[in-house]
């Protein structure tokens, strides 16, 4: 073939189709978050009789000029459906295959029927085929396009907008049509200038606000991959991952590494997760006003300041899928060099940290709304928020936001928390910290003039000396059983409120007066080095003491230490 534009062109084209020299090559589309591919684009390749591959730039414009691009597109669709059928037969199904439709295809009155007929012949469901179109289609004949577009959408096809940003009316197109995916023109990735980065970030954020999935083509470097992931671009395609490959090479790749294929039943799960917006011009306002319910799982969420992470939870495990640099920086402030360090810390399912985060996650799953916990860890105050995003069998994805009090405003907040803590202490008569592993006790606060029992050489001696001097003789044995730290962790763990409490008669710095009733509570608190317990003792209101005396007299078993 000397020239594709000579009089023999159409005859050679027909001969190429009949002779199997028009072939579909397949280029995988990878999910940014899990690095598995969930679809592949079918691309037309023409081989001459000698086996030389003819560039698509040579034959596609000529087929469009001669009105025969429709035959090419339908042939590529047939081959894509045949591949889908073969993958299903092998037990390694591909969730979807995308095919390109030319603007000339929409001039054929039977386009919709033709496409549906090919899928039916190969038993391919409509949602498995992704139809890629360019915005020029909508400009030339908007009336015809809109009619056919509605037919495809109503029939369950997914429609992708190709080469977004290369035309003049992209924003109008998004306003008028509901696309499932927009593909960003590879020109955006040729040179990652500051201006180009800002433009791409804005467009990805806009797409998410419109509930449109995003895909970037032309990815060639790891820098581009990382950049797109940080922006929340859901899918990527390009030579970095794989070049377009022949059908047999594509099948061989799947047979060799079946784990790189995203299972069809997981696609919806990851699509829901893809709604998370990592970039937003006013993220704090959007996040604060966002309300998510269990019936609106596709809602979009932004971070306050980029300190967010996606955490996949199972019955017994927490695994970070992705964390922004802001989130990682805050983990470092808490003493964790990597997210793996957090996962290791949470592997102890009896630790306070594990129990605290597990409760936070369960509350988020049950309510479908943002749940927040605030605490201090290694002398750093932090706030951890959780929001349920998506669920699949045996696991759920949670959006986490971590904030430590490091900005000027947050330092002020921390100061207020410290003031509040001091005020809170005054509501107790006694607060003592116990450190069983180093056999020590430390009094934090007392409202009475009591000796410092925590200066004894051991925790046991401190407890006994305090008990003999401050606890009524009738309750001393029971008090020591209450503060038996050999069984304390188990008792705290079994309690519904993660603390234990009981009533005791004490004098607390009033040796010459009658004992009064006090409520004692022991709570385990987080510590980076050892188990730590806090004892708080609070007096009972005088008008209740008589009732307690009567209750204990009638039912002494109520004071039994469990």
Protein backbone atom coordinates (compact mmCIF):
# COMPACT_ATOMS: atom_id res chain seq x y z
CA UNK A 1 0.00 0.00 0.00
CA UNK A 2 1.75 3.12 -1.23
CA UNK A 3 -0.90 5.66 -0.27
CA UNK A 4 -4.06 5.37 1.75
CA UNK A 5 -5.61 8.15 -0.32
CA UNK A 6 -5.48 6.48 -3.73
CA UNK A 7 -8.40 4.89 -5.57
CA UNK A 8 -7.77 1.51 -3.95
CA UNK A 9 -8.11 2.80 -0.41
CA UNK A 10 -11.64 1.53 0.30
CA UNK A 11 -10.91 -1.84 -1.26
CA UNK A 12 -7.78 -2.20 0.85
CA UNK A 13 -9.71 -1.22 3.97
CA UNK A 14 -12.38 -3.87 3.34
CA UNK A 15 -9.69 -6.42 2.61
CA UNK A 16 -7.90 -5.52 5.85
CA UNK A 17 -11.08 -6.03 7.90
CA UNK A 18 -11.90 -9.36 6.22
CA UNK A 19 -8.29 -10.52 6.51
CA UNK A 20 -8.00 -9.73 10.21
CA UNK A 21 -5.45 -6.98 9.71
CA UNK A 22 -7.63 -4.38 11.45
CA UNK A 23 -7.02 -5.27 15.08
CA UNK A 24 -7.97 -3.84 18.44
CA UNK A 25 -5.08 -3.09 20.78
CA UNK A 26 -5.89 -2.64 24.44
CA UNK A 27 -4.41 -0.13 26.89
CA UNK A 28 -5.36 -0.63 30.57
CA UNK A 29 -6.87 2.16 32.69
CA UNK A 30 -5.55 2.02 36.25
CA UNK A 31 -7.18 3.10 39.48
CA UNK A 32 -4.95 5.68 41.18
CA UNK A 33 -5.63 4.46 44.72
CA UNK A 34 -5.26 0.70 44.39
CA UNK A 35 -2.97 0.55 41.32
CA UNK A 36 -5.15 -2.06 39.61
CA UNK A 37 -6.84 -1.65 36.28
CA UNK A 38 -10.60 -1.68 36.02
CA UNK A 39 -10.97 -1.01 32.29
CA UNK A 40 -9.03 -0.98 29.05
CA UNK A 41 -9.38 1.24 26.01
CA UNK A 42 -9.74 -0.51 22.66
CA UNK A 43 -7.64 1.26 20.01
CA UNK A 44 -7.67 0.59 16.27
CA UNK A 45 -4.49 -0.70 14.59
CA UNK A 46 -4.09 -1.44 10.84
CA UNK A 47 -1.39 -3.78 9.54
CA UNK A 48 -0.45 -3.92 5.87
CA UNK A 49 0.18 -7.31 4.14
CA UNK A 50 3.85 -7.18 5.11
CA UNK A 51 2.97 -6.84 8.79
CA UNK A 52 3.93 -3.16 9.13
CA UNK A 53 1.63 -1.22 11.44
CA UNK A 54 0.12 1.85 9.82
CA UNK A 55 -0.23 4.89 12.07
CA UNK A 56 -3.82 5.75 13.07
CA UNK A 57 -2.97 9.35 12.08
CA UNK A 58 -2.74 8.09 8.49
CA UNK A 59 -5.96 6.13 8.12
CA UNK A 60 -8.49 7.51 10.64
CA UNK A 61 -8.81 11.01 9.06
CA UNK A 62 -9.20 9.37 5.63
CA UNK A 63 -11.92 7.01 6.87
CA UNK A 64 -13.73 9.99 8.38
CA UNK A 65 -13.52 11.92 5.10
CA UNK A 66 -14.82 8.94 3.10
CA UNK A 67 -17.61 8.14 5.57
CA UNK A 68 -16.29 4.69 6.53
CA UNK A 69 -15.14 5.33 10.10
CA UNK A 70 -18.38 3.75 11.30
CA UNK A 71 -17.29 0.35 9.95
CA UNK A 72 -13.96 0.68 11.73
CA UNK A 73 -15.56 1.65 15.06
CA UNK A 74 -18.03 -1.24 14.89
CA UNK A 75 -15.21 -3.70 14.11
CA UNK A 76 -13.21 -2.49 17.11
CA UNK A 77 -16.36 -2.78 19.24
CA UNK A 78 -16.84 -6.38 18.06
CA UNK A 79 -13.27 -7.26 19.00
CA UNK A 80 -13.63 -5.57 22.37
CA UNK A 81 -16.77 -7.58 23.11
CA UNK A 82 -15.03 -10.78 22.03
CA UNK A 83 -12.18 -10.01 24.46
CA UNK A 84 -14.65 -9.33 27.26
CA UNK A 85 -16.31 -12.67 26.58
CA UNK A 86 -12.95 -14.46 26.56
CA UNK A 87 -11.84 -12.90 29.87
CA UNK A 88 -15.10 -13.96 31.46
CA UNK A 89 -14.65 -17.51 30.14
CA UNK A 90 -11.15 -17.67 31.63
CA UNK A 91 -12.40 -16.60 35.06
CA UNK A 92 -10.55 -13.27 35.04
CA UNK A 93 -13.29 -10.86 33.97
CA UNK A 94 -12.45 -7.26 33.15
CA UNK A 95 -14.95 -4.78 34.54
CA UNK A 96 -15.12 -2.68 31.41
CA UNK A 97 -13.74 -1.87 27.99
CA UNK A 98 -13.92 1.54 26.39
CA UNK A 99 -14.37 2.14 22.67
CA UNK A 100 -14.20 5.37 20.70
CA UNK A 101 -17.17 6.64 18.70
CA UNK A 102 -16.46 9.09 15.90
CA UNK A 103 -18.63 12.11 15.17
CA UNK A 104 -19.51 10.39 11.86
CA UNK A 105 -21.03 7.45 13.77
CA UNK A 106 -23.85 9.61 15.07
CA UNK A 107 -25.05 10.32 11.54
CA UNK A 108 -26.04 6.64 11.23
CA UNK A 109 -29.66 6.21 12.21
CA UNK A 110 -29.04 2.65 13.40
CA UNK A 111 -26.00 3.42 15.63
CA UNK A 112 -27.78 2.56 18.86
CA UNK A 113 -29.32 -0.65 17.48
CA UNK A 114 -26.02 -1.67 15.91
CA UNK A 115 -24.08 -1.26 19.14
CA UNK A 116 -26.70 -3.10 21.19
CA UNK A 117 -26.76 -5.94 18.65
CA UNK A 118 -22.99 -6.48 18.87
CA UNK A 119 -23.12 -6.60 22.67
CA UNK A 120 -26.02 -9.04 22.61
CA UNK A 121 -24.19 -11.38 20.23
CA UNK A 122 -21.32 -11.67 22.73
CA UNK A 123 -23.50 -11.61 25.87
CA UNK A 124 -21.85 -8.41 27.11
CA UNK A 125 -23.85 -6.26 29.57
CA UNK A 126 -24.35 -2.65 28.57
CA UNK A 127 -22.55 -1.25 31.61
CA UNK A 128 -19.37 -3.11 30.63
CA UNK A 129 -18.84 -0.99 27.50
CA UNK A 130 -17.69 2.60 27.96
CA UNK A 131 -18.40 4.84 24.99
CA UNK A 132 -15.73 7.51 24.49
CA UNK A 133 -16.77 10.58 22.53
CA UNK A 134 -15.27 14.01 21.86
CA UNK A 135 -17.03 17.32 22.44
CA UNK A 136 -16.93 18.17 18.73
CA UNK A 137 -19.87 15.77 18.34
CA UNK A 138 -22.09 18.02 20.43
CA UNK A 139 -21.18 21.13 18.48
CA UNK A 140 -21.83 19.92 14.93
CA UNK A 141 -25.28 18.39 15.40
CA UNK A 142 -26.46 18.91 18.98
CA UNK A 143 -30.04 17.78 18.33
CA UNK A 144 -29.07 14.40 16.88
CA UNK A 145 -26.38 13.87 19.48
CA UNK A 146 -28.68 14.59 22.41
CA UNK A 147 -31.23 12.07 21.17
CA UNK A 148 -28.68 9.26 20.75
CA UNK A 149 -26.90 10.21 23.96
CA UNK A 150 -30.13 9.77 25.93
CA UNK A 151 -30.72 6.38 24.30
CA UNK A 152 -27.33 5.12 25.42
CA UNK A 153 -27.61 6.52 28.94
CA UNK A 154 -31.14 5.15 29.42
CA UNK A 155 -29.94 1.73 28.25
CA UNK A 156 -27.24 1.61 30.94
CA UNK A 157 -24.15 2.52 28.93
CA UNK A 158 -21.39 4.55 30.52
CA UNK A 159 -20.42 7.58 28.41
CA UNK A 160 -16.97 9.13 28.72
CA UNK A 161 -15.95 12.57 27.45
CA UNK A 162 -12.58 12.24 25.73
CA UNK A 163 -9.90 14.95 25.38
CA UNK A 164 -11.58 17.28 27.84
CA UNK A 165 -10.13 20.77 27.65
CA UNK A 166 -9.02 20.54 24.03
CA UNK A 167 -12.12 22.25 22.63
CA UNK A 168 -13.85 25.58 23.09
CA UNK A 169 -17.04 24.64 24.87
CA UNK A 170 -16.01 22.12 27.54
CA UNK A 171 -17.84 23.87 30.38
CA UNK A 172 -21.08 24.13 28.36
CA UNK A 173 -20.80 20.44 27.56
CA UNK A 174 -20.58 19.53 31.26
CA UNK A 175 -23.52 21.77 32.00
CA UNK A 176 -25.76 20.13 29.40
CA UNK A 177 -24.81 16.45 29.60
CA UNK A 178 -24.28 13.96 32.41
CA UNK A 179 -21.02 12.16 31.64
CA UNK A 180 -19.70 9.37 33.80
CA UNK A 181 -16.03 10.13 33.21
CA UNK A 182 -14.02 12.97 31.73
CA UNK A 183 -10.59 12.25 30.28
CA UNK A 184 -8.08 15.05 30.51
CA UNK A 185 -6.10 15.80 27.39
CA UNK A 186 -2.56 14.49 27.63
CA UNK A 187 -1.27 17.97 26.77
CA UNK A 188 -1.91 18.95 30.39
CA UNK A 189 0.71 16.44 31.48
CA UNK A 190 3.40 17.21 28.94
CA UNK A 191 4.90 19.87 31.19
CA UNK A 192 3.84 20.15 34.81
CA UNK A 193 4.21 23.91 35.11
CA UNK A 194 2.71 25.74 38.07
CA UNK A 195 -0.06 27.15 35.91
CA UNK A 196 -0.82 23.73 34.42
CA UNK A 197 -0.96 22.14 37.87
CA UNK A 198 -3.38 24.78 39.13
CA UNK A 199 -5.62 24.35 36.09
CA UNK A 200 -5.72 20.59 36.40
CA UNK A 201 -6.38 20.75 40.15
CA UNK A 202 -9.29 23.12 39.58
CA UNK A 203 -10.82 20.95 36.87
CA UNK A 204 -10.59 17.79 38.97
CA UNK A 205 -12.24 19.60 41.88
CA UNK A 206 -14.97 20.88 39.56
CA UNK A 207 -15.59 17.39 38.14
CA UNK A 208 -15.99 15.94 41.63
CA UNK A 209 -18.46 18.66 42.55
CA UNK A 210 -20.49 17.55 39.51
CA UNK A 211 -20.15 13.87 40.53
CA UNK A 212 -18.13 13.06 37.42
CA UNK A 213 -15.21 10.63 37.63
CA UNK A 214 -11.81 11.74 36.38
CA UNK A 215 -9.18 10.03 34.22
CA UNK A 216 -5.88 11.41 32.97
CA UNK A 217 -4.27 9.97 29.87
CA UNK A 218 -0.68 10.28 28.74
CA UNK A 219 0.88 9.46 32.14
CA UNK A 220 4.55 8.70 31.53
CA UNK A 221 6.44 9.35 34.78
CA UNK A 222 6.20 8.53 38.46
CA UNK A 223 6.12 12.25 39.19
CA UNK A 224 2.97 12.60 37.10
CA UNK A 225 1.40 9.56 38.78
CA UNK A 226 2.07 10.93 42.29
CA UNK A 227 0.83 14.39 41.34
CA UNK A 228 -2.45 13.05 39.94
CA UNK A 229 -2.95 10.87 43.01
CA UNK A 230 -2.44 13.87 45.31
CA UNK A 231 -5.09 15.80 43.38
CA UNK A 232 -7.58 12.97 43.73
CA UNK A 233 -7.64 12.08 40.02
CA UNK A 234 -9.28 8.68 40.15
CA UNK A 235 -7.83 6.90 37.13
CA UNK A 236 -4.70 7.05 35.01
CA UNK A 237 -3.64 5.72 31.63
CA UNK A 238 -0.35 5.93 29.78
CA UNK A 239 3.02 4.43 29.00
CA UNK A 240 4.00 4.57 32.69
CA UNK A 241 1.55 1.73 33.28
CA UNK A 242 1.34 -0.05 29.94
CA UNK A 243 1.46 0.60 26.22
CA UNK A 244 -1.43 -0.49 24.00
CA UNK A 245 -1.03 -4.22 23.42
CA UNK A 246 -2.43 -6.88 21.14
CA UNK A 247 -5.25 -9.12 22.35
CA UNK A 248 -2.97 -12.12 23.07
CA UNK A 249 -0.44 -9.99 24.97
CA UNK A 250 -3.29 -8.48 27.01
CA UNK A 251 -4.61 -11.93 27.94
CA UNK A 252 -1.11 -13.13 28.76
CA UNK A 253 -0.62 -10.18 31.12
CA UNK A 254 -3.85 -11.03 32.96
CA UNK A 255 -2.97 -14.73 33.15
CA UNK A 256 0.45 -13.86 34.53
CA UNK A 257 -0.77 -11.33 37.10
CA UNK A 258 -4.52 -11.76 37.70
CA UNK A 259 -4.23 -9.72 40.92
CA UNK A 260 -3.72 -6.49 38.93
CA UNK A 261 -7.28 -6.68 37.60
CA UNK A 262 -9.95 -4.99 39.70
CA UNK A 263 -12.86 -7.35 40.15
CA UNK A 264 -16.16 -6.17 38.63
CA UNK A 265 -17.90 -6.41 41.99
CA UNK A 266 -15.38 -3.95 43.48
CA UNK A 267 -15.84 -1.22 40.88
CA UNK A 268 -18.81 0.46 42.56
CA UNK A 269 -16.97 0.43 45.89
CA UNK A 270 -13.97 2.27 44.46
CA UNK A 271 -16.15 4.61 42.43
CA UNK A 272 -17.83 5.76 45.64
CA UNK A 273 -14.44 6.33 47.24
CA UNK A 274 -13.43 8.35 44.21
CA UNK A 275 -15.97 11.03 45.17
CA UNK A 276 -13.63 12.25 47.91
CA UNK A 277 -12.31 15.67 46.95
CA UNK A 278 -8.69 16.19 47.94
CA UNK A 279 -8.66 19.75 46.56
CA UNK A 280 -11.24 22.50 47.04
CA UNK A 281 -11.09 26.31 46.89
CA UNK A 282 -12.95 26.56 50.22
CA UNK A 283 -12.51 23.14 51.85
CA UNK A 284 -13.26 24.13 55.44
CA UNK A 285 -16.67 25.51 54.55
CA UNK A 286 -17.56 22.55 52.36
CA UNK A 287 -16.49 20.03 54.96
CA UNK A 288 -18.26 21.77 57.81
CA UNK A 289 -21.53 22.02 55.88
CA UNK A 290 -21.40 18.53 54.35
CA UNK A 291 -23.91 16.09 55.77
CA UNK A 292 -23.78 12.48 54.68
CA UNK A 293 -26.49 9.89 55.24
CA UNK A 294 -26.51 6.18 54.58
CA UNK A 295 -28.78 6.79 51.61
CA UNK A 296 -26.37 9.25 50.02
CA UNK A 297 -23.13 7.31 49.88
CA UNK A 298 -21.80 9.15 46.83
CA UNK A 299 -21.45 12.51 48.59
CA UNK A 300 -18.22 14.38 48.12
CA UNK A 301 -16.00 15.37 51.01
CA UNK A 302 -13.06 17.74 51.27
CA UNK A 303 -10.44 18.05 53.97
CA UNK A 304 -10.05 21.19 56.06
CA UNK A 305 -6.42 21.61 55.14
CA UNK A 306 -5.30 18.52 53.27
CA UNK A 307 -4.69 16.40 56.39
CA UNK A 308 -6.92 13.51 55.33
CA UNK A 309 -6.49 9.80 54.77
CA UNK A 310 -8.51 6.89 53.45
CA UNK A 311 -8.51 3.98 55.87
CA UNK A 312 -9.98 0.60 54.97
CA UNK A 313 -11.44 -1.22 57.96
CA UNK A 314 -12.27 -4.86 58.45
CA UNK A 315 -13.61 -6.61 61.52
CA UNK A 316 -10.16 -6.72 63.12
CA UNK A 317 -7.89 -4.48 61.07
CA UNK A 318 -7.18 -0.91 59.95
CA UNK A 319 -5.19 -0.32 56.75
CA UNK A 320 -4.21 3.01 55.23
CA UNK A 321 -5.02 3.15 51.53
CA UNK A 322 -3.86 6.71 51.04
CA UNK A 323 -2.75 9.63 53.20
CA UNK A 324 -2.02 13.17 52.09
CA UNK A 325 1.29 14.78 52.99
CA UNK A 326 -0.58 17.00 55.47
CA UNK A 327 -1.90 13.93 57.27
CA UNK A 328 1.55 12.31 57.32
CA UNK A 329 3.05 15.48 58.75
CA UNK A 330 0.59 15.42 61.62
CA UNK A 331 1.36 11.76 62.26
CA UNK A 332 5.02 12.75 62.59
CA UNK A 333 4.00 15.35 65.18
CA UNK A 334 2.45 12.49 67.13
CA UNK A 335 5.65 10.46 66.87
CA UNK A 336 4.82 8.13 63.96
CA UNK A 337 7.35 8.17 61.13
CA UNK A 338 5.02 6.38 58.71
CA UNK A 339 1.41 5.26 58.42
CA UNK A 340 2.78 1.75 58.87
CA UNK A 341 3.81 2.77 62.36
CA UNK A 342 0.21 3.66 63.15
CA UNK A 343 -0.99 0.33 61.76
CA UNK A 344 1.52 -1.49 63.97
CA UNK A 345 0.43 0.49 67.02
CA UNK A 346 -3.19 -0.43 66.32
CA UNK A 347 -2.37 -4.12 65.93
CA UNK A 348 -2.71 -4.47 69.71
CA UNK A 349 -6.46 -4.85 69.86
CA UNK A 350 -6.51 -4.35 73.61
CA UNK A 351 -4.78 -0.99 73.48
CA UNK A 352 -6.71 2.14 74.31
CA UNK A 353 -5.80 3.64 70.94
CA UNK A 354 -7.31 0.68 69.10
CA UNK A 355 -10.49 0.75 71.19
CA UNK A 356 -10.86 4.52 70.77
CA UNK A 357 -10.49 4.43 66.97
CA UNK A 358 -12.65 1.33 66.66
CA UNK A 359 -15.47 3.07 68.52
CA UNK A 360 -15.02 6.15 66.33
CA UNK A 361 -15.26 4.01 63.18
CA UNK A 362 -18.28 2.07 64.41
CA UNK A 363 -20.08 5.30 65.28
CA UNK A 364 -19.29 6.66 61.80
CA UNK A 365 -20.62 3.47 60.18
CA UNK A 366 -23.83 3.50 62.20
CA UNK A 367 -24.64 7.19 61.84
CA UNK A 368 -23.36 7.96 58.34
CA UNK A 369 -22.30 11.33 59.74
CA UNK A 370 -18.99 12.89 60.75
CA UNK A 371 -17.78 11.55 64.10
CA UNK A 372 -15.00 13.25 66.07
CA UNK A 373 -12.82 12.43 69.05
CA UNK A 374 -10.33 14.73 70.78
CA UNK A 375 -7.51 13.54 72.97
CA UNK A 376 -3.91 14.08 74.04
CA UNK A 377 -1.11 11.76 72.96
CA UNK A 378 2.56 12.29 73.78
CA UNK A 379 1.71 15.77 75.06
CA UNK A 380 0.11 16.69 71.73
CA UNK A 381 -3.59 17.50 71.52
CA UNK A 382 -5.25 16.10 68.44
CA UNK A 383 -8.67 15.86 66.86
CA UNK A 384 -9.54 12.84 64.71
CA UNK A 385 -12.67 12.89 62.55
CA UNK A 386 -14.15 9.95 60.67
CA UNK A 387 -16.74 9.71 57.91
CA UNK A 388 -18.07 6.53 56.30
CA UNK A 389 -17.56 6.61 52.53
CA UNK A 390 -18.25 3.16 51.06
CA UNK A 391 -18.77 -0.46 52.00
CA UNK A 392 -18.24 -3.84 50.38
CA UNK A 393 -18.35 -7.36 51.76
CA UNK A 394 -16.25 -7.59 54.89
CA UNK A 395 -14.78 -4.08 54.72
CA UNK A 396 -15.56 -0.40 54.69
CA UNK A 397 -13.70 2.74 53.66
CA UNK A 398 -13.47 5.54 56.19
CA UNK A 399 -12.30 9.06 55.48
CA UNK A 400 -10.11 10.24 58.35
CA UNK A 401 -9.08 13.79 59.11
CA UNK A 402 -6.31 14.39 61.64
CA UNK A 403 -5.69 17.78 63.19
CA UNK A 404 -3.08 18.61 65.79
CA UNK A 405 -3.09 21.91 67.65
CA UNK A 406 -0.15 23.55 65.97
CA UNK A 407 -1.49 26.76 64.42
CA UNK A 408 -1.94 29.98 66.36
CA UNK A 409 -5.68 29.46 66.60
CA UNK A 410 -5.26 25.86 67.66
CA UNK A 411 -2.69 26.74 70.32
CA UNK A 412 -5.28 29.11 71.72
CA UNK A 413 -7.78 26.25 71.67
CA UNK A 414 -5.30 24.01 73.45
CA UNK A 415 -4.85 26.69 76.10
CA UNK A 416 -8.58 26.82 76.64
CA UNK A 417 -8.62 23.06 76.96
CA UNK A 418 -5.92 23.25 79.63
CA UNK A 419 -7.91 25.88 81.53
CA UNK A 420 -11.00 23.74 81.25
CA UNK A 421 -9.05 20.72 82.49
CA UNK A 422 -7.90 22.67 85.53
CA UNK A 423 -11.46 23.74 86.27
CA UNK A 424 -12.63 20.17 85.82
CA UNK A 425 -10.15 18.91 88.41
CA UNK A 426 -11.73 21.12 91.06
CA UNK A 427 -14.97 19.13 90.76
CA UNK A 428 -13.13 16.13 92.31
CA UNK A 429 -11.86 15.60 95.81
CA UNK A 430 -8.92 13.48 94.66
CA UNK A 431 -7.22 12.58 91.36
CA UNK A 432 -4.39 10.03 91.27
CA UNK A 433 -2.45 8.51 88.37
CA UNK A 434 -1.27 4.89 88.62
CA UNK A 435 1.58 3.39 86.58
CA UNK A 436 1.55 -0.38 87.32
CA UNK A 437 4.58 -1.26 85.17
CA UNK A 438 6.88 1.08 87.11
CA UNK A 439 5.01 0.37 90.38
CA UNK A 440 4.29 4.02 91.03
CA UNK A 441 1.43 6.35 91.90
CA UNK A 442 1.27 10.13 91.48
CA UNK A 443 -1.29 12.43 93.01
CA UNK A 444 -2.49 15.04 90.53
CA UNK A 445 -5.03 16.96 92.61
CA UNK A 446 -6.66 16.98 96.03
CA UNK A 447 -9.14 19.38 97.55
CA UNK A 448 -8.31 18.28 101.10
CA UNK A 449 -5.29 18.56 103.35
CA UNK A 450 -4.07 14.99 103.01
CA UNK A 451 -0.58 13.54 103.36
CA UNK A 452 1.22 12.65 100.12
CA UNK A 453 0.77 8.89 100.15
CA UNK A 454 2.24 8.57 96.67
CA UNK A 455 5.74 9.14 98.05
CA UNK A 456 5.93 5.54 99.28
CA UNK A 457 8.47 3.15 97.75
CA UNK A 458 5.83 1.08 95.93
CA UNK A 459 2.31 1.44 94.62
CA UNK A 460 1.10 -1.28 96.98
CA UNK A 461 2.49 0.53 100.05
CA UNK A 462 0.91 3.80 98.88
CA UNK A 463 -2.47 2.13 98.45
CA UNK A 464 -2.34 0.40 101.86
CA UNK A 465 -1.22 3.52 103.70
CA UNK A 466 -3.95 5.61 102.06
CA UNK A 467 -6.53 2.92 102.71
CA UNK A 468 -5.69 2.62 106.42
CA UNK A 469 -5.77 6.39 106.95
CA UNK A 470 -8.57 7.59 104.66
CA UNK A 471 -10.99 4.69 103.99
CA UNK A 472 -13.56 3.56 106.50
CA UNK A 473 -12.61 0.24 108.10
CA UNK A 474 -15.80 -1.36 106.77
CA UNK A 475 -14.70 -0.66 103.16
CA UNK A 476 -10.92 -1.11 103.31
CA UNK A 477 -10.76 -4.69 102.04
CA UNK A 478 -13.23 -3.90 99.27
CA UNK A 479 -11.26 -0.76 98.30
CA UNK A 480 -8.04 -2.76 97.90
CA UNK A 481 -9.87 -5.30 95.70
CA UNK A 482 -11.25 -2.40 93.68
CA UNK A 483 -7.70 -1.13 93.05
CA UNK A 484 -6.19 -4.54 92.30
CA UNK A 485 -4.15 -3.70 89.20
CA UNK A 486 -3.42 -7.33 88.36
CA UNK A 487 -7.05 -7.63 87.21
CA UNK A 488 -7.66 -3.97 86.37
CA UNK A 489 -7.14 -4.11 82.54
CA UNK A 490 -9.52 -7.04 82.19
CA UNK A 491 -12.21 -5.41 84.33
CA UNK A 492 -11.95 -2.09 82.47
CA UNK A 493 -12.12 -3.87 79.12
CA UNK A 494 -15.27 -5.78 80.11
CA UNK A 495 -17.09 -2.69 81.33
CA UNK A 496 -19.47 -1.02 78.92
CA UNK A 497 -18.06 2.48 79.55
CA UNK A 498 -14.42 1.35 79.60
CA UNK A 499 -14.07 2.28 83.26
CA UNK A 500 -14.95 0.79 86.65
CA UNK A 501 -16.56 2.58 89.57
CA UNK A 502 -17.95 1.94 93.03
CA UNK A 503 -18.99 3.71 96.26
CA UNK A 504 -16.80 3.89 99.37
CA UNK A 505 -16.98 5.50 102.80
CA UNK A 506 -13.96 7.77 103.31
CA UNK A 507 -12.69 10.62 105.49
CA UNK A 508 -10.25 12.26 103.04
CA UNK A 509 -8.24 14.54 105.31
CA UNK A 510 -10.88 14.69 108.08
CA UNK A 511 -9.63 12.05 110.56
CA UNK A 512 -11.77 13.26 113.47
CA UNK A 513 -15.03 13.36 111.54
CA UNK A 514 -17.53 10.75 110.41
CA UNK A 515 -16.89 8.97 107.12
CA UNK A 516 -18.83 10.15 104.08
CA UNK A 517 -19.80 8.41 100.87
CA UNK A 518 -17.59 9.00 97.82
CA UNK A 519 -17.81 7.75 94.25
CA UNK A 520 -14.52 6.31 92.98
CA UNK A 521 -13.84 5.70 89.27
CA UNK A 522 -10.82 4.19 87.48
CA UNK A 523 -10.29 4.93 83.78
CA UNK A 524 -7.49 3.70 81.54
CA UNK A 525 -5.89 6.49 79.54
CA UNK A 526 -3.56 6.30 76.49
CA UNK A 527 0.15 6.28 77.07
CA UNK A 528 3.03 5.86 74.65
CA UNK A 529 5.11 3.75 77.02
CA UNK A 530 2.94 1.87 79.51
CA UNK A 531 -0.62 1.25 80.71
CA UNK A 532 -1.81 4.21 82.79
CA UNK A 533 -4.89 4.48 84.99
CA UNK A 534 -6.56 7.53 86.51
CA UNK A 535 -8.47 7.36 89.78
CA UNK A 536 -11.00 10.11 90.43
CA UNK A 537 -12.81 10.39 93.75
CA UNK A 538 -15.86 12.63 94.09
CA UNK A 539 -18.08 13.28 97.11
CA UNK A 540 -21.76 12.37 97.08
CA UNK A 541 -24.31 15.09 97.71
CA UNK A 542 -25.43 15.14 101.32
CA UNK A 543 -29.10 14.65 100.48
CA UNK A 544 -28.22 11.34 98.76
CA UNK A 545 -26.06 9.82 101.47
CA UNK A 546 -29.00 8.67 103.59
CA UNK A 547 -30.51 6.91 100.59
CA UNK A 548 -27.20 5.19 99.88
CA UNK A 549 -26.96 4.00 103.51
CA UNK A 550 -30.43 2.51 103.22
CA UNK A 551 -29.71 0.93 99.83
CA UNK A 552 -26.46 -0.65 101.08
CA UNK A 553 -28.20 -1.92 104.19
CA UNK A 554 -30.92 -3.57 102.16
CA UNK A 555 -28.71 -4.78 99.27
CA UNK A 556 -25.03 -5.07 100.31
CA UNK A 557 -24.36 -7.16 97.20
CA UNK A 558 -24.57 -3.98 95.11
CA UNK A 559 -21.13 -2.96 96.39
CA UNK A 560 -19.46 -6.21 95.39
CA UNK A 561 -16.28 -5.68 93.35
CA UNK A 562 -16.51 -7.42 89.99
